[in-house]
Amino acid sequence: MTALARYGGEDVFVKMRKLIQEMISALEQTNREEMGKKAFCDQEMKHTKATLSDRQDESKRKSAALELTTAQVAQLREELANLAQELADLAESDQELTKMRQAEHEEHTQAYKDLELGLAGVQTAIKALRDYYSQDRPVQLDMAASMALAADGRAPRVDIAEVSTAGAGVISFLEVVESDFARNMADLQSQDRNAQEAYEKLMQQSKVVKAQKEADVKHKTTEATNLERSATELRSDTASAKQQLEAVTEYLGKLQEECTAKVETREERMAKRQKEMEGLQEALSILESAVSV
């Protein structure tokens, strides 16, 4: 010790102390860095995992909402297609019904005209016979009076006293024919009137159904348009949520790789011990040099 003090041993100890202090400072700095990194990793891992969970939930919600909205739009479009077909079928049915009604009315009109001509002919014959057999007091009848009497189930009659016995039979027969004509004309008018009323009733019902379906089309079209707009926004939101989820997932992977403690290999442990040994050898060499002086 005396030799060390005499020949500069104090400097040797200073060097040793300095070397040891540097080693201690390096170890302390490493420990501080490791502690700071651990605190950072713990806090960052906790925050990132919570963020990842939130992003996963948000992505699931957006995807579910988009799937539901898309299904609703598809359902509405299918219903609109069905309504369009129903309206087309209804229009075709109305057109066919109108054609049938027009044909029926034309048939009734033509039959009425034929009966009208026949009635006029019978009435002309009756008038001619009456004029012939009763020239002093001819019986005056017209078509309107004959139809009115026929509608009541009666036929115009002549006074038997005004015609001869021979003419009475012919006139009586013609009156029966006249009555049949008038009754058939009245029946035709009634049938045509009833058919028209039934047609108008059916057309009114069709009009109500058509109005309801058109209202449904308008409502569903508006709803489908709004849902399609929402679906477009949801697609954008879903894509954005997916990108955010992927970014957080990627960051968490890097964070885990950085913060997770790694097991040292045999070569790493040997290198670490070799470095420590070199430091000790250096310190020992200094001491040996000091003692040998």
Protein backbone atom coordinates (compact mmCIF):
# COMPACT_ATOMS: atom_id res chain seq x y z
CA MET A 1 0.00 0.00 0.00
CA THR A 2 2.96 2.21 0.85
CA ALA A 3 4.45 1.50 -2.54
CA LEU A 4 1.12 2.26 -4.15
CA ALA A 5 0.91 5.54 -2.30
CA ARG A 6 4.57 6.36 -3.04
CA TYR A 7 4.66 5.44 -6.70
CA GLY A 8 1.39 6.76 -7.84
CA GLY A 9 -0.93 4.15 -6.42
CA GLU A 10 -3.46 6.87 -5.73
CA ASP A 11 -3.84 7.42 -9.45
CA VAL A 12 -4.38 3.73 -9.90
CA PHE A 13 -7.21 3.73 -7.39
CA VAL A 14 -8.64 6.81 -9.05
CA LYS A 15 -8.63 4.98 -12.35
CA MET A 16 -10.19 1.92 -10.75
CA ARG A 17 -12.86 3.97 -9.07
CA LYS A 18 -13.53 5.81 -12.28
CA LEU A 19 -13.79 2.55 -14.21
CA ILE A 20 -16.09 1.01 -11.64
CA GLN A 21 -18.22 4.17 -11.46
CA GLU A 22 -18.54 4.15 -15.22
CA MET A 23 -19.62 0.54 -15.16
CA ILE A 24 -22.11 1.27 -12.39
CA SER A 25 -23.42 4.32 -14.23
CA ALA A 26 -23.81 2.28 -17.40
CA LEU A 27 -25.71 -0.41 -15.51
CA GLU A 28 -27.89 2.17 -13.78
CA GLN A 29 -28.58 3.89 -17.08
CA THR A 30 -29.51 0.54 -18.59
CA ASN A 31 -31.79 -0.20 -15.67
CA ARG A 32 -33.43 3.21 -15.95
CA GLU A 33 -33.96 2.71 -19.64
CA GLU A 34 -35.39 -0.73 -19.07
CA MET A 35 -37.70 0.54 -16.31
CA GLY A 36 -38.85 3.44 -18.47
CA LYS A 37 -39.40 1.15 -21.40
CA LYS A 38 -41.34 -1.30 -19.21
CA ALA A 39 -43.62 1.49 -17.93
CA PHE A 40 -44.11 2.71 -21.49
CA CYS A 41 -44.84 -0.80 -22.76
CA ASP A 42 -47.29 -1.56 -19.95
CA GLN A 43 -49.22 1.64 -20.48
CA GLU A 44 -49.08 1.53 -24.27
CA MET A 45 -50.06 -2.16 -24.43
CA LYS A 46 -53.05 -1.54 -22.15
CA HIS A 47 -54.21 1.47 -24.16
CA THR A 48 -53.64 -0.25 -27.52
CA LYS A 49 -55.53 -3.40 -26.49
CA ALA A 50 -58.46 -1.28 -25.28
CA THR A 51 -58.40 0.65 -28.57
CA LEU A 52 -58.25 -2.62 -30.51
CA SER A 53 -61.32 -3.92 -28.66
CA ASP A 54 -63.20 -0.70 -29.42
CA ARG A 55 -62.23 -0.86 -33.10
CA GLN A 56 -63.29 -4.50 -33.33
CA ASP A 57 -66.70 -3.69 -31.80
CA GLU A 58 -67.15 -0.69 -34.07
CA SER A 59 -66.18 -2.72 -37.15
CA LYS A 60 -68.67 -5.45 -36.20
CA ARG A 61 -71.44 -2.88 -35.63
CA LYS A 62 -70.80 -1.18 -38.96
CA SER A 63 -70.66 -4.48 -40.82
CA ALA A 64 -73.88 -5.70 -39.18
CA ALA A 65 -75.64 -2.41 -39.95
CA LEU A 66 -74.47 -2.54 -43.57
CA GLU A 67 -75.61 -6.16 -43.94
CA LEU A 68 -79.04 -5.36 -42.47
CA THR A 69 -79.49 -2.24 -44.61
CA THR A 70 -78.43 -4.10 -47.77
CA ALA A 71 -80.93 -6.88 -47.00
CA GLN A 72 -83.69 -4.32 -46.43
CA VAL A 73 -82.93 -2.62 -49.75
CA ALA A 74 -83.01 -5.97 -51.56
CA GLN A 75 -86.35 -6.81 -49.92
CA LEU A 76 -87.84 -3.46 -50.88
CA ARG A 77 -86.63 -3.76 -54.47
CA GLU A 78 -88.20 -7.20 -54.70
CA GLU A 79 -91.48 -5.85 -53.31
CA LEU A 80 -91.38 -2.96 -55.79
CA ALA A 81 -90.86 -5.40 -58.65
CA ASN A 82 -93.86 -7.41 -57.46
CA LEU A 83 -95.98 -4.26 -57.19
CA ALA A 84 -94.97 -3.20 -60.69
CA GLN A 85 -96.05 -6.60 -62.01
CA GLU A 86 -99.33 -6.43 -60.08
CA LEU A 87 -100.06 -2.97 -61.50
CA ALA A 88 -99.28 -4.21 -65.00
CA ASP A 89 -101.60 -7.20 -64.50
CA LEU A 90 -104.29 -4.90 -63.12
CA ALA A 91 -104.03 -2.56 -66.10
CA GLU A 92 -104.21 -5.52 -68.48
CA SER A 93 -107.25 -6.88 -66.62
CA ASP A 94 -108.98 -3.47 -66.77
CA GLN A 95 -108.27 -3.22 -70.46
CA GLU A 96 -109.65 -6.68 -71.11
CA LEU A 97 -112.71 -5.98 -68.97
CA THR A 98 -113.33 -2.73 -70.88
CA LYS A 99 -113.08 -4.53 -74.21
CA MET A 100 -115.54 -7.18 -73.03
CA ARG A 101 -117.94 -4.52 -71.78
CA GLN A 102 -117.75 -2.59 -75.05
CA ALA A 103 -118.39 -5.74 -77.04
CA GLU A 104 -121.31 -6.65 -74.78
CA HIS A 105 -122.78 -3.15 -75.07
CA GLU A 106 -122.43 -3.20 -78.85
CA GLU A 107 -124.14 -6.59 -78.92
CA HIS A 108 -127.01 -5.29 -76.78
CA THR A 109 -127.29 -2.16 -78.89
CA GLN A 110 -127.45 -4.13 -82.11
CA ALA A 111 -130.02 -6.57 -80.65
CA TYR A 112 -132.09 -3.64 -79.40
CA LYS A 113 -132.03 -2.02 -82.83
CA ASP A 114 -133.10 -5.33 -84.41
CA LEU A 115 -135.97 -5.67 -81.95
CA GLU A 116 -136.85 -2.03 -82.48
CA LEU A 117 -137.12 -2.58 -86.21
CA GLY A 118 -139.19 -5.72 -85.67
CA LEU A 119 -141.48 -3.92 -83.25
CA ALA A 120 -141.92 -1.06 -85.67
CA GLY A 121 -142.86 -3.51 -88.40
CA VAL A 122 -145.38 -5.31 -86.18
CA GLN A 123 -146.89 -2.03 -85.05
CA THR A 124 -147.16 -0.90 -88.67
CA ALA A 125 -148.97 -4.12 -89.55
CA ILE A 126 -151.30 -3.79 -86.57
CA LYS A 127 -152.07 -0.18 -87.50
CA ALA A 128 -152.76 -1.12 -91.08
CA LEU A 129 -155.14 -3.91 -90.01
CA ARG A 130 -156.94 -1.67 -87.58
CA ASP A 131 -157.30 1.01 -90.18
CA TYR A 132 -158.63 -1.54 -92.56
CA TYR A 133 -161.15 -3.11 -90.18
CA SER A 134 -162.11 0.05 -88.35
CA GLN A 135 -161.95 2.94 -90.73
CA ASP A 136 -164.40 5.07 -88.76
CA ARG A 137 -162.38 5.03 -85.50
CA PRO A 138 -158.84 3.97 -86.19
CA VAL A 139 -156.85 2.95 -83.16
CA GLN A 140 -153.66 5.09 -82.76
CA LEU A 141 -150.68 3.43 -81.11
CA ASP A 142 -147.06 4.36 -81.02
CA MET A 143 -143.87 2.54 -80.16
CA ALA A 144 -143.30 4.27 -76.82
CA ALA A 145 -146.78 3.37 -75.58
CA SER A 146 -146.31 -0.25 -76.67
CA MET A 147 -142.99 -0.53 -74.78
CA ALA A 148 -144.48 1.00 -71.65
CA LEU A 149 -147.39 -1.44 -71.70
CA ALA A 150 -145.05 -4.35 -72.40
CA ALA A 151 -142.87 -3.41 -69.42
CA ASP A 152 -145.99 -3.70 -67.23
CA GLY A 153 -146.80 -7.11 -68.73
CA ARG A 154 -149.65 -5.76 -70.84
CA ALA A 155 -150.07 -5.19 -74.54
CA PRO A 156 -152.17 -2.60 -76.32
CA ARG A 157 -155.54 -4.01 -77.30
CA VAL A 158 -158.13 -2.86 -79.81
CA ASP A 159 -161.79 -2.75 -79.20
CA ILE A 160 -163.12 -6.02 -80.52
CA ALA A 161 -166.26 -4.22 -81.57
CA GLU A 162 -164.29 -2.14 -84.05
CA VAL A 163 -162.82 -5.03 -86.03
CA SER A 164 -164.31 -7.94 -87.70
CA THR A 165 -164.09 -11.40 -86.31
CA ALA A 166 -161.61 -12.47 -88.97
CA GLY A 167 -159.28 -9.52 -88.37
CA ALA A 168 -159.45 -9.86 -84.60
CA GLY A 169 -157.48 -13.12 -84.62
CA VAL A 170 -154.69 -11.74 -86.77
CA ILE A 171 -154.42 -8.54 -84.77
CA SER A 172 -154.46 -10.48 -81.51
CA PHE A 173 -151.57 -12.63 -82.71
CA LEU A 174 -149.61 -9.59 -83.83
CA GLU A 175 -150.22 -7.95 -80.47
CA VAL A 176 -148.69 -10.94 -78.74
CA VAL A 177 -145.65 -10.63 -81.00
CA GLU A 178 -145.54 -6.90 -80.32
CA SER A 179 -145.66 -7.57 -76.59
CA ASP A 180 -142.79 -10.06 -76.89
CA PHE A 181 -140.70 -7.57 -78.84
CA ALA A 182 -141.37 -4.81 -76.33
CA ARG A 183 -140.61 -7.09 -73.38
CA ASN A 184 -137.37 -8.27 -74.97
CA MET A 185 -136.34 -4.69 -75.62
CA ALA A 186 -137.04 -3.79 -72.02
CA ASP A 187 -135.05 -6.84 -70.85
CA LEU A 188 -132.14 -5.86 -73.06
CA GLN A 189 -132.13 -2.35 -71.64
CA SER A 190 -132.24 -3.75 -68.12
CA GLN A 191 -129.44 -6.24 -68.84
CA ASP A 192 -127.27 -3.59 -70.43
CA ARG A 193 -127.90 -1.21 -67.53
CA ASN A 194 -127.06 -3.92 -64.96
CA ALA A 195 -123.96 -4.93 -66.90
CA GLN A 196 -122.82 -1.30 -67.01
CA GLU A 197 -123.36 -0.91 -63.28
CA ALA A 198 -121.39 -4.10 -62.58
CA TYR A 199 -118.62 -2.92 -64.89
CA GLU A 200 -118.42 0.48 -63.22
CA LYS A 201 -118.34 -1.17 -59.79
CA LEU A 202 -115.47 -3.43 -60.84
CA MET A 203 -113.60 -0.49 -62.36
CA GLN A 204 -114.07 1.52 -59.17
CA GLN A 205 -112.72 -1.35 -57.10
CA SER A 206 -109.79 -1.65 -59.49
CA LYS A 207 -109.20 2.09 -59.20
CA VAL A 208 -109.05 1.84 -55.39
CA VAL A 209 -106.65 -1.13 -55.54
CA LYS A 210 -104.51 0.68 -58.10
CA ALA A 211 -104.34 3.81 -55.93
CA GLN A 212 -103.29 1.72 -52.92
CA LYS A 213 -100.57 -0.06 -54.87
CA GLU A 214 -99.30 3.18 -56.38
CA ALA A 215 -99.14 4.69 -52.88
CA ASP A 216 -97.17 1.62 -51.76
CA VAL A 217 -94.82 2.05 -54.70
CA LYS A 218 -94.22 5.69 -53.84
CA HIS A 219 -93.63 4.93 -50.16
CA LYS A 220 -91.37 1.96 -50.78
CA THR A 221 -89.40 3.81 -53.47
CA THR A 222 -88.69 6.65 -51.06
CA GLU A 223 -87.75 4.19 -48.32
CA ALA A 224 -85.48 2.21 -50.65
CA THR A 225 -83.77 5.40 -51.86
CA ASN A 226 -83.10 6.52 -48.29
CA LEU A 227 -81.80 3.08 -47.32
CA GLU A 228 -79.53 2.96 -50.37
CA ARG A 229 -78.11 6.34 -49.36
CA SER A 230 -77.55 5.00 -45.84
CA ALA A 231 -75.94 1.86 -47.27
CA THR A 232 -73.50 3.99 -49.27
CA GLU A 233 -72.52 5.89 -46.12
CA LEU A 234 -72.24 2.64 -44.17
CA ARG A 235 -69.95 1.15 -46.82
CA SER A 236 -67.64 4.12 -46.40
CA ASP A 237 -67.83 3.92 -42.60
CA THR A 238 -67.24 0.16 -42.65
CA ALA A 239 -64.18 0.53 -44.88
CA SER A 240 -62.83 3.28 -42.62
CA ALA A 241 -63.45 1.20 -39.50
CA LYS A 242 -61.68 -1.76 -41.11
CA GLN A 243 -58.68 0.37 -41.99
CA GLN A 244 -58.47 1.70 -38.44
CA LEU A 245 -58.75 -1.83 -37.06
CA GLU A 246 -55.96 -3.04 -39.35
CA ALA A 247 -53.77 -0.09 -38.32
CA VAL A 248 -54.28 -0.75 -34.60
CA THR A 249 -53.71 -4.49 -35.11
CA GLU A 250 -50.48 -3.81 -36.97
CA TYR A 251 -49.29 -1.37 -34.30
CA LEU A 252 -50.10 -3.83 -31.52
CA GLY A 253 -48.09 -6.51 -33.30
CA LYS A 254 -45.06 -4.22 -33.52
CA LEU A 255 -45.52 -3.16 -29.90
CA GLN A 256 -45.68 -6.74 -28.72
CA GLU A 257 -42.57 -7.58 -30.69
CA GLU A 258 -40.75 -4.61 -29.18
CA CYS A 259 -41.98 -4.97 -25.60
CA THR A 260 -42.07 -8.71 -25.14
CA ALA A 261 -38.99 -9.99 -23.29
CA LYS A 262 -36.85 -12.20 -25.44
CA VAL A 263 -34.99 -15.27 -24.19
CA GLU A 264 -31.28 -14.86 -24.70
CA THR A 265 -29.52 -17.48 -26.77
CA ARG A 266 -26.41 -19.36 -25.60
CA GLU A 267 -24.22 -17.27 -27.85
CA GLU A 268 -25.72 -14.05 -26.46
CA ARG A 269 -25.13 -15.15 -22.88
CA MET A 270 -21.53 -16.14 -23.71
CA ALA A 271 -20.91 -12.81 -25.39
CA LYS A 272 -22.36 -10.99 -22.41
CA ARG A 273 -20.17 -12.91 -19.95
CA GLN A 274 -17.15 -12.38 -22.19
CA LYS A 275 -17.73 -8.67 -22.11
CA GLU A 276 -17.99 -8.68 -18.33
CA MET A 277 -14.82 -10.77 -18.10
CA GLU A 278 -12.98 -8.34 -20.31
CA GLY A 279 -14.02 -5.53 -18.00
CA LEU A 280 -12.81 -7.44 -14.96
CA GLN A 281 -9.56 -8.40 -16.71
CA GLU A 282 -8.92 -4.76 -17.44
CA ALA A 283 -9.51 -3.87 -13.82
CA LEU A 284 -7.24 -6.77 -12.68
CA SER A 285 -4.51 -5.71 -15.07
CA ILE A 286 -4.55 -2.23 -13.61
CA LEU A 287 -4.27 -3.60 -10.09
CA GLU A 288 -1.44 -5.99 -11.00
CA SER A 289 0.45 -3.19 -12.66
CA ALA A 290 0.07 -1.08 -9.56
CA VAL A 291 1.23 -3.87 -7.21
CA SER A 292 4.27 -4.76 -9.32
CA VAL A 293 5.56 -1.19 -9.25
